[in-house]
Amino acid sequence: MTALSIRQADSPPEQAGTGRESTVLADFEECYAANFHKITIQLAAYLGSLAEAQDVTQEAFARALPRWGRLTGYADPGAWVRHVAWNLAKTRQRRQRRLALFLRQQQEEPVAGPEPDRVALIRALSKLPERQRRAFVLHYLADLSIAQIADQERTPEGTVKSWLHRARAAMAAHLTGAAEEGRDV
C-alpha cells in the first residue's frame, strides 16, 4: 500500500476521492436521511426501547456503507438496510431472552445465616490446635472411630484419645466462656 492510499483510507469519506465516490456517499446520505427515522420507529415499537432501536438501525447502516456500491444497484437499498436492521433486532431479542433465562436459572436462593450455636462452635474449633481440631472433627462430625482416625493420621490410638480428651476440654472451656459472654450482654 502506498502512502497516498493509506492517507486516503484514513481520511474521512468526503475527502477520500471525488467523482463517483462522492456520488456514492451522497446516495448513502440521502438513503440514511430518508430511512433512518422510519426504521428506528418500527424497531422501537418492536424492541420497546428507542435507544436500542437507534443502535440497531445505526449498526445496519454501518454494515451497508462498505457495500453501498453494490447496494445502489438494488431497486430499494433502504429495504436491504431495513431487512438487516430487523435481523439484528431479532438477534438482540433472542440474546436477551437467553440471558434472562440464564439469569433466572442462576439466581441463588437466600440462605439464612448460621445459628449462634454454630458460630460459637466454629469459633471454638478455630481456637484448637490443628491436630486436636482434626481429631475432633473426624470423630464427632465425620463419625470415624478412634481406630479409623489413628489409621488415617498414622499415629497410635492412645495419641488420638489424648487429642480428643484435650479437644473436648478446650471446647468445653471455649463454649462455656462464649455462653457466659452471651448472658452478660
C-alpha atoms as a PDB file:
ATOM      1  CA  MET A   1       0.000   0.000   0.000  1.00  0.00           C
ATOM      2  CA  THR A   2       1.389   3.398  -0.872  1.00  0.00           C
ATOM      3  CA  ALA A   3       1.479   6.381   1.435  1.00  0.00           C
ATOM      4  CA  LEU A   4      -1.160   8.121  -0.690  1.00  0.00           C
ATOM      5  CA  SER A   5      -3.603   5.209  -0.480  1.00  0.00           C
ATOM      6  CA  ILE A   6      -3.045   4.939   3.309  1.00  0.00           C
ATOM      7  CA  ARG A   7      -3.786   8.640   3.727  1.00  0.00           C
ATOM      8  CA  GLN A   8      -6.926   8.271   1.614  1.00  0.00           C
ATOM      9  CA  ALA A   9      -8.062   5.237   3.640  1.00  0.00           C
ATOM     10  CA  ASP A  10      -7.523   7.149   6.899  1.00  0.00           C
ATOM     11  CA  SER A  11      -9.214  10.326   5.713  1.00  0.00           C
ATOM     12  CA  PRO A  12     -12.933  10.915   6.124  1.00  0.00           C
ATOM     13  CA  PRO A  13     -15.100   9.637   3.250  1.00  0.00           C
ATOM     14  CA  GLU A  14     -15.802  13.163   1.977  1.00  0.00           C
ATOM     15  CA  GLN A  15     -12.088  13.700   1.322  1.00  0.00           C
ATOM     16  CA  ALA A  16     -11.274  10.186   0.102  1.00  0.00           C
ATOM     17  CA  GLY A  17     -11.949  10.938  -3.502  1.00  0.00           C
ATOM     18  CA  THR A  18     -14.025  12.812  -5.999  1.00  0.00           C
ATOM     19  CA  GLY A  19     -16.433  11.990  -8.775  1.00  0.00           C
ATOM     20  CA  ARG A  20     -18.022   8.570  -8.404  1.00  0.00           C
ATOM     21  CA  GLU A  21     -17.080   8.168  -4.699  1.00  0.00           C
ATOM     22  CA  SER A  22     -18.712  11.443  -3.709  1.00  0.00           C
ATOM     23  CA  THR A  23     -21.833  10.492  -5.671  1.00  0.00           C
ATOM     24  CA  VAL A  24     -21.983   7.137  -3.847  1.00  0.00           C
ATOM     25  CA  LEU A  25     -21.611   8.892  -0.496  1.00  0.00           C
ATOM     26  CA  ALA A  26     -24.288  11.396  -1.422  1.00  0.00           C
ATOM     27  CA  ASP A  27     -26.616   8.496  -2.313  1.00  0.00           C
ATOM     28  CA  PHE A  28     -25.834   6.843   1.024  1.00  0.00           C
ATOM     29  CA  GLU A  29     -26.505  10.050   2.948  1.00  0.00           C
ATOM     30  CA  GLU A  30     -29.773  10.501   1.086  1.00  0.00           C
ATOM     31  CA  CYS A  31     -30.860   6.942   1.909  1.00  0.00           C
ATOM     32  CA  TYR A  32     -29.795   7.427   5.518  1.00  0.00           C
ATOM     33  CA  ALA A  33     -31.797  10.643   5.829  1.00  0.00           C
ATOM     34  CA  ALA A  34     -34.845   9.081   4.177  1.00  0.00           C
ATOM     35  CA  ASN A  35     -34.882   5.802   6.108  1.00  0.00           C
ATOM     36  CA  PHE A  36     -33.175   6.144   9.496  1.00  0.00           C
ATOM     37  CA  HIS A  37     -36.194   7.622  11.281  1.00  0.00           C
ATOM     38  CA  LYS A  38     -38.695   5.202   9.688  1.00  0.00           C
ATOM     39  CA  ILE A  39     -36.651   2.112  10.552  1.00  0.00           C
ATOM     40  CA  THR A  40     -35.924   3.379  14.051  1.00  0.00           C
ATOM     41  CA  ILE A  41     -39.606   3.967  14.804  1.00  0.00           C
ATOM     42  CA  GLN A  42     -40.522   0.463  13.578  1.00  0.00           C
ATOM     43  CA  LEU A  43     -37.819  -1.155  15.673  1.00  0.00           C
ATOM     44  CA  ALA A  44     -38.607   0.958  18.735  1.00  0.00           C
ATOM     45  CA  ALA A  45     -42.134  -0.428  18.679  1.00  0.00           C
ATOM     46  CA  TYR A  46     -40.774  -3.968  18.270  1.00  0.00           C
ATOM     47  CA  LEU A  47     -37.951  -3.743  20.824  1.00  0.00           C
ATOM     48  CA  GLY A  48     -39.707  -1.473  23.295  1.00  0.00           C
ATOM     49  CA  SER A  49     -36.713   0.830  23.514  1.00  0.00           C
ATOM     50  CA  LEU A  50     -35.875   3.826  21.359  1.00  0.00           C
ATOM     51  CA  ALA A  51     -32.202   3.687  22.332  1.00  0.00           C
ATOM     52  CA  GLU A  52     -31.891   0.034  21.306  1.00  0.00           C
ATOM     53  CA  ALA A  53     -33.746   0.736  18.070  1.00  0.00           C
ATOM     54  CA  GLN A  54     -31.356   3.560  17.257  1.00  0.00           C
ATOM     55  CA  ASP A  55     -28.365   1.323  17.982  1.00  0.00           C
ATOM     56  CA  VAL A  56     -29.683  -1.460  15.767  1.00  0.00           C
ATOM     57  CA  THR A  57     -30.560   0.902  12.933  1.00  0.00           C
ATOM     58  CA  GLN A  58     -27.156   2.558  13.146  1.00  0.00           C
ATOM     59  CA  GLU A  59     -25.483  -0.876  13.025  1.00  0.00           C
ATOM     60  CA  ALA A  60     -27.481  -1.786   9.915  1.00  0.00           C
ATOM     61  CA  PHE A  61     -26.382   1.407   8.165  1.00  0.00           C
ATOM     62  CA  ALA A  62     -22.794   0.792   9.284  1.00  0.00           C
ATOM     63  CA  ARG A  63     -22.955  -2.616   7.632  1.00  0.00           C
ATOM     64  CA  ALA A  64     -24.447  -1.103   4.491  1.00  0.00           C
ATOM     65  CA  LEU A  65     -21.780   1.556   3.978  1.00  0.00           C
ATOM     66  CA  PRO A  66     -18.934  -0.741   2.831  1.00  0.00           C
ATOM     67  CA  ARG A  67     -21.386  -2.494   0.479  1.00  0.00           C
ATOM     68  CA  TRP A  68     -23.019   0.671  -0.765  1.00  0.00           C
ATOM     69  CA  GLY A  69     -21.523   0.491  -4.241  1.00  0.00           C
ATOM     70  CA  ARG A  70     -23.279  -2.849  -4.764  1.00  0.00           C
ATOM     71  CA  LEU A  71     -26.458  -1.839  -2.906  1.00  0.00           C
ATOM     72  CA  THR A  72     -27.078   1.132  -5.184  1.00  0.00           C
ATOM     73  CA  GLY A  73     -27.817  -1.406  -7.905  1.00  0.00           C
ATOM     74  CA  TYR A  74     -30.854  -2.602  -5.922  1.00  0.00           C
ATOM     75  CA  ALA A  75     -34.268  -1.127  -6.616  1.00  0.00           C
ATOM     76  CA  ASP A  76     -34.553  -0.054  -2.945  1.00  0.00           C
ATOM     77  CA  PRO A  77     -31.284  -0.058  -0.969  1.00  0.00           C
ATOM     78  CA  GLY A  78     -33.239   1.135   2.072  1.00  0.00           C
ATOM     79  CA  ALA A  79     -35.136  -2.164   2.052  1.00  0.00           C
ATOM     80  CA  TRP A  80     -31.809  -4.017   2.438  1.00  0.00           C
ATOM     81  CA  VAL A  81     -30.913  -1.816   5.406  1.00  0.00           C
ATOM     82  CA  ARG A  82     -34.373  -2.344   6.935  1.00  0.00           C
ATOM     83  CA  HIS A  83     -34.048  -6.129   6.489  1.00  0.00           C
ATOM     84  CA  VAL A  84     -30.615  -6.163   8.154  1.00  0.00           C
ATOM     85  CA  ALA A  85     -31.885  -3.935  10.984  1.00  0.00           C
ATOM     86  CA  TRP A  86     -34.807  -6.279  11.644  1.00  0.00           C
ATOM     87  CA  ASN A  87     -32.491  -9.288  11.661  1.00  0.00           C
ATOM     88  CA  LEU A  88     -30.220  -7.524  14.143  1.00  0.00           C
ATOM     89  CA  ALA A  89     -33.225  -6.643  16.315  1.00  0.00           C
ATOM     90  CA  LYS A  90     -34.466 -10.242  16.312  1.00  0.00           C
ATOM     91  CA  THR A  91     -30.991 -11.474  17.208  1.00  0.00           C
ATOM     92  CA  ARG A  92     -30.811  -8.952  20.042  1.00  0.00           C
ATOM     93  CA  GLN A  93     -34.201 -10.100  21.352  1.00  0.00           C
ATOM     94  CA  ARG A  94     -33.123 -13.773  21.270  1.00  0.00           C
ATOM     95  CA  ARG A  95     -29.913 -12.979  23.133  1.00  0.00           C
ATOM     96  CA  GLN A  96     -31.793 -11.008  25.764  1.00  0.00           C
ATOM     97  CA  ARG A  97     -34.296 -13.842  26.268  1.00  0.00           C
ATOM     98  CA  ARG A  98     -31.470 -16.372  26.626  1.00  0.00           C
ATOM     99  CA  LEU A  99     -29.673 -14.084  29.057  1.00  0.00           C
ATOM    100  CA  ALA A 100     -32.835 -13.571  31.116  1.00  0.00           C
ATOM    101  CA  LEU A 101     -33.428 -17.346  31.210  1.00  0.00           C
ATOM    102  CA  PHE A 102     -29.823 -17.962  32.230  1.00  0.00           C
ATOM    103  CA  LEU A 103     -30.027 -15.327  34.973  1.00  0.00           C
ATOM    104  CA  ARG A 104     -33.299 -16.783  36.287  1.00  0.00           C
ATOM    105  CA  GLN A 105     -31.631 -20.188  36.494  1.00  0.00           C
ATOM    106  CA  GLN A 106     -28.609 -18.716  38.255  1.00  0.00           C
ATOM    107  CA  GLN A 107     -30.480 -16.850  40.941  1.00  0.00           C
ATOM    108  CA  GLU A 108     -29.429 -18.030  44.326  1.00  0.00           C
ATOM    109  CA  GLU A 109     -31.992 -18.756  46.955  1.00  0.00           C
ATOM    110  CA  PRO A 110     -31.449 -16.680  50.056  1.00  0.00           C
ATOM    111  CA  VAL A 111     -29.928 -18.780  52.792  1.00  0.00           C
ATOM    112  CA  ALA A 112     -30.358 -17.930  56.411  1.00  0.00           C
ATOM    113  CA  GLY A 113     -27.177 -17.112  58.254  1.00  0.00           C
ATOM    114  CA  PRO A 114     -25.682 -19.582  60.672  1.00  0.00           C
ATOM    115  CA  GLU A 115     -27.327 -20.008  64.052  1.00  0.00           C
ATOM    116  CA  PRO A 116     -25.495 -18.500  67.048  1.00  0.00           C
ATOM    117  CA  ASP A 117     -24.648 -22.000  68.337  1.00  0.00           C
ATOM    118  CA  ARG A 118     -22.950 -22.870  65.067  1.00  0.00           C
ATOM    119  CA  VAL A 119     -20.972 -19.631  65.103  1.00  0.00           C
ATOM    120  CA  ALA A 120     -19.839 -20.357  68.655  1.00  0.00           C
ATOM    121  CA  LEU A 121     -18.857 -23.921  67.688  1.00  0.00           C
ATOM    122  CA  ILE A 122     -16.840 -22.783  64.673  1.00  0.00           C
ATOM    123  CA  ARG A 123     -15.149 -20.080  66.713  1.00  0.00           C
ATOM    124  CA  ALA A 124     -14.266 -22.584  69.460  1.00  0.00           C
ATOM    125  CA  LEU A 125     -12.959 -25.096  66.898  1.00  0.00           C
ATOM    126  CA  SER A 126     -10.759 -22.443  65.331  1.00  0.00           C
ATOM    127  CA  LYS A 127      -9.017 -21.953  68.705  1.00  0.00           C
ATOM    128  CA  LEU A 128      -7.957 -25.602  68.950  1.00  0.00           C
ATOM    129  CA  PRO A 129      -4.522 -26.750  67.786  1.00  0.00           C
ATOM    130  CA  GLU A 130      -4.668 -28.303  64.315  1.00  0.00           C
ATOM    131  CA  ARG A 131      -4.276 -31.984  65.358  1.00  0.00           C
ATOM    132  CA  GLN A 132      -6.876 -31.705  68.094  1.00  0.00           C
ATOM    133  CA  ARG A 133      -9.268 -29.912  65.763  1.00  0.00           C
ATOM    134  CA  ARG A 134      -8.805 -32.547  63.050  1.00  0.00           C
ATOM    135  CA  ALA A 135      -9.371 -35.405  65.548  1.00  0.00           C
ATOM    136  CA  PHE A 136     -12.450 -33.668  66.975  1.00  0.00           C
ATOM    137  CA  VAL A 137     -13.989 -33.067  63.547  1.00  0.00           C
ATOM    138  CA  LEU A 138     -13.212 -36.584  62.299  1.00  0.00           C
ATOM    139  CA  HIS A 139     -14.652 -38.207  65.428  1.00  0.00           C
ATOM    140  CA  TYR A 140     -17.723 -36.068  66.121  1.00  0.00           C
ATOM    141  CA  LEU A 141     -18.655 -34.756  62.699  1.00  0.00           C
ATOM    142  CA  ALA A 142     -17.377 -37.464  60.332  1.00  0.00           C
ATOM    143  CA  ASP A 143     -18.304 -40.273  62.768  1.00  0.00           C
ATOM    144  CA  LEU A 144     -14.939 -42.037  62.468  1.00  0.00           C
ATOM    145  CA  SER A 145     -13.833 -44.348  65.246  1.00  0.00           C
ATOM    146  CA  ILE A 146     -10.633 -43.774  67.187  1.00  0.00           C
ATOM    147  CA  ALA A 147      -9.023 -46.676  65.303  1.00  0.00           C
ATOM    148  CA  GLN A 148     -10.004 -45.148  61.913  1.00  0.00           C
ATOM    149  CA  ILE A 149      -8.631 -41.751  62.922  1.00  0.00           C
ATOM    150  CA  ALA A 150      -5.391 -43.357  64.161  1.00  0.00           C
ATOM    151  CA  ASP A 151      -5.057 -45.209  60.858  1.00  0.00           C
ATOM    152  CA  GLN A 152      -5.733 -42.091  58.811  1.00  0.00           C
ATOM    153  CA  GLU A 153      -3.383 -39.915  60.874  1.00  0.00           C
ATOM    154  CA  ARG A 154      -0.734 -42.681  61.104  1.00  0.00           C
ATOM    155  CA  THR A 155      -0.497 -42.323  64.856  1.00  0.00           C
ATOM    156  CA  PRO A 156      -1.193 -44.637  67.816  1.00  0.00           C
ATOM    157  CA  GLU A 157      -4.762 -44.840  69.147  1.00  0.00           C
ATOM    158  CA  GLY A 158      -3.587 -43.537  72.522  1.00  0.00           C
ATOM    159  CA  THR A 159      -2.401 -40.331  70.859  1.00  0.00           C
ATOM    160  CA  VAL A 160      -5.794 -39.871  69.180  1.00  0.00           C
ATOM    161  CA  LYS A 161      -7.530 -40.422  72.550  1.00  0.00           C
ATOM    162  CA  SER A 162      -5.246 -37.796  74.083  1.00  0.00           C
ATOM    163  CA  TRP A 163      -6.053 -35.304  71.278  1.00  0.00           C
ATOM    164  CA  LEU A 164      -9.777 -35.911  71.708  1.00  0.00           C
ATOM    165  CA  HIS A 165      -9.584 -35.543  75.501  1.00  0.00           C
ATOM    166  CA  ARG A 166      -7.713 -32.231  75.210  1.00  0.00           C
ATOM    167  CA  ALA A 167     -10.021 -31.042  72.422  1.00  0.00           C
ATOM    168  CA  ARG A 168     -13.161 -31.787  74.485  1.00  0.00           C
ATOM    169  CA  ALA A 169     -11.745 -29.946  77.496  1.00  0.00           C
ATOM    170  CA  ALA A 170     -10.766 -26.915  75.398  1.00  0.00           C
ATOM    171  CA  MET A 171     -14.107 -26.900  73.579  1.00  0.00           C
ATOM    172  CA  ALA A 172     -15.990 -27.030  76.872  1.00  0.00           C
ATOM    173  CA  ALA A 173     -13.990 -24.091  78.175  1.00  0.00           C
ATOM    174  CA  HIS A 174     -14.469 -22.064  74.984  1.00  0.00           C
ATOM    175  CA  LEU A 175     -18.178 -22.823  74.709  1.00  0.00           C
ATOM    176  CA  THR A 176     -18.812 -22.178  78.400  1.00  0.00           C
ATOM    177  CA  GLY A 177     -16.961 -18.883  78.099  1.00  0.00           C
ATOM    178  CA  ALA A 178     -18.979 -17.977  74.970  1.00  0.00           C
ATOM    179  CA  ALA A 179     -22.225 -18.835  76.752  1.00  0.00           C
ATOM    180  CA  GLU A 180     -21.268 -16.660  79.724  1.00  0.00           C
ATOM    181  CA  GLU A 181     -20.334 -13.792  77.377  1.00  0.00           C
ATOM    182  CA  GLY A 182     -23.747 -14.121  75.739  1.00  0.00           C
ATOM    183  CA  ARG A 183     -25.516 -13.847  79.102  1.00  0.00           C
ATOM    184  CA  ASP A 184     -23.545 -10.750  80.125  1.00  0.00           C
ATOM    185  CA  VAL A 185     -24.553  -8.839  77.037  1.00  0.00           C
END
